[in-house]
Amino acid sequence: MAAFIMLHHFAVWAGFPERSRTDAKFDVGERPLRTAMQGEVPLTESERGVERKRRRLAKAALAQQDGVLGGALDCAGFLQESSADDAC
């Protein structure tokens, strides 16, 4: 009980507004719909943008790496159907 009184006096001193009530229950807003699995914190819009950019850069780097390796394999004759004496 003493803690309740102390916290009430602190709230009055700090100027916190009193929550609205209907009878014995506090009025609360609508509960937001769950968009992620239970126990998983959804990403914010800015975090989602950073993640998309990271994936896009990783995909571009992989495509570039595949292009470099594909060119090396092509010059080595692994991907060519023609004779191996073609110069790169």
Protein backbone atom coordinates (compact mmCIF):
# COMPACT_ATOMS: atom_id res chain seq x y z
CA MET A 1 0.00 0.00 0.00
CA ALA A 2 2.85 2.37 0.78
CA ALA A 3 4.33 1.81 -2.69
CA PHE A 4 1.00 2.71 -4.28
CA ILE A 5 0.82 5.97 -2.36
CA MET A 6 4.43 6.80 -3.19
CA LEU A 7 3.92 6.08 -6.91
CA HIS A 8 0.70 8.11 -6.94
CA HIS A 9 2.46 11.13 -5.42
CA PHE A 10 5.30 10.75 -7.91
CA ALA A 11 2.82 10.68 -10.83
CA VAL A 12 1.10 13.80 -9.50
CA TRP A 13 4.47 15.54 -9.05
CA ALA A 14 5.63 14.49 -12.56
CA GLY A 15 2.38 15.74 -14.09
CA PHE A 16 1.34 12.44 -15.65
CA PRO A 17 -2.30 12.51 -16.81
CA GLU A 18 -4.73 10.07 -15.23
CA ARG A 19 -5.94 7.27 -17.51
CA SER A 20 -9.60 7.34 -18.45
CA ARG A 21 -11.85 4.67 -16.95
CA THR A 22 -15.25 3.18 -17.53
CA ASP A 23 -16.60 1.85 -14.24
CA ALA A 24 -13.76 -0.20 -12.74
CA LYS A 25 -11.88 -0.81 -16.02
CA PHE A 26 -9.35 1.36 -17.84
CA ASP A 27 -10.19 2.39 -21.40
CA VAL A 28 -7.71 0.91 -23.85
CA GLY A 29 -7.28 1.27 -27.60
CA GLU A 30 -7.88 -1.38 -30.22
CA ARG A 31 -5.43 -4.23 -30.10
CA PRO A 32 -3.20 -4.25 -33.20
CA LEU A 33 -3.31 -7.28 -35.46
CA ARG A 34 -0.39 -9.65 -35.17
CA THR A 35 1.76 -9.53 -38.30
CA ALA A 36 4.63 -11.72 -37.12
CA MET A 37 4.86 -15.11 -35.50
CA GLN A 38 4.45 -15.25 -31.74
CA GLY A 39 7.69 -14.39 -29.97
CA GLU A 40 9.16 -12.68 -33.05
CA VAL A 41 9.57 -8.92 -33.06
CA PRO A 42 8.65 -7.49 -36.49
CA LEU A 43 11.12 -5.22 -38.28
CA THR A 44 10.45 -1.51 -38.56
CA GLU A 45 10.08 0.07 -42.00
CA SER A 46 13.64 1.44 -41.93
CA GLU A 47 15.05 -1.93 -40.83
CA ARG A 48 13.12 -3.60 -43.66
CA GLY A 49 14.63 -1.13 -46.15
CA VAL A 50 18.15 -1.86 -44.89
CA GLU A 51 17.52 -5.62 -45.12
CA ARG A 52 16.19 -5.30 -48.70
CA LYS A 53 19.24 -3.24 -49.71
CA ARG A 54 21.59 -5.79 -48.10
CA ARG A 55 19.90 -8.65 -49.97
CA ARG A 56 19.97 -6.73 -53.26
CA LEU A 57 23.71 -5.98 -52.87
CA ALA A 58 24.45 -9.59 -51.93
CA LYS A 59 22.52 -10.82 -54.97
CA ALA A 60 24.36 -8.38 -57.26
CA ALA A 61 27.73 -9.43 -55.82
CA LEU A 62 26.85 -13.10 -56.32
CA ALA A 63 25.76 -12.43 -59.91
CA GLN A 64 28.98 -10.54 -60.57
CA GLN A 65 31.02 -13.33 -58.99
CA ASP A 66 29.17 -15.90 -61.09
CA GLY A 67 29.87 -13.79 -64.15
CA VAL A 68 33.59 -13.67 -63.33
CA LEU A 69 33.74 -17.39 -62.60
CA GLY A 70 31.58 -18.16 -65.63
CA GLY A 71 33.98 -16.19 -67.80
CA ALA A 72 36.98 -18.03 -66.32
CA LEU A 73 35.33 -21.40 -66.88
CA ASP A 74 34.37 -20.33 -70.39
CA CYS A 75 37.99 -19.38 -71.20
CA ALA A 76 39.21 -22.66 -69.75
CA GLY A 77 36.94 -24.50 -72.14
CA PHE A 78 34.59 -26.00 -69.57
CA LEU A 79 31.50 -24.21 -70.87
CA GLN A 80 32.36 -24.22 -74.58
CA GLU A 81 31.12 -26.77 -77.02
CA SER A 82 33.77 -25.75 -79.56
CA SER A 83 37.41 -26.71 -79.58
CA ALA A 84 39.71 -25.72 -76.71
CA ASP A 85 42.11 -23.78 -78.97
CA ASP A 86 39.86 -20.67 -78.98
CA ALA A 87 41.73 -17.75 -77.40
CA CYS A 88 40.13 -15.69 -74.62
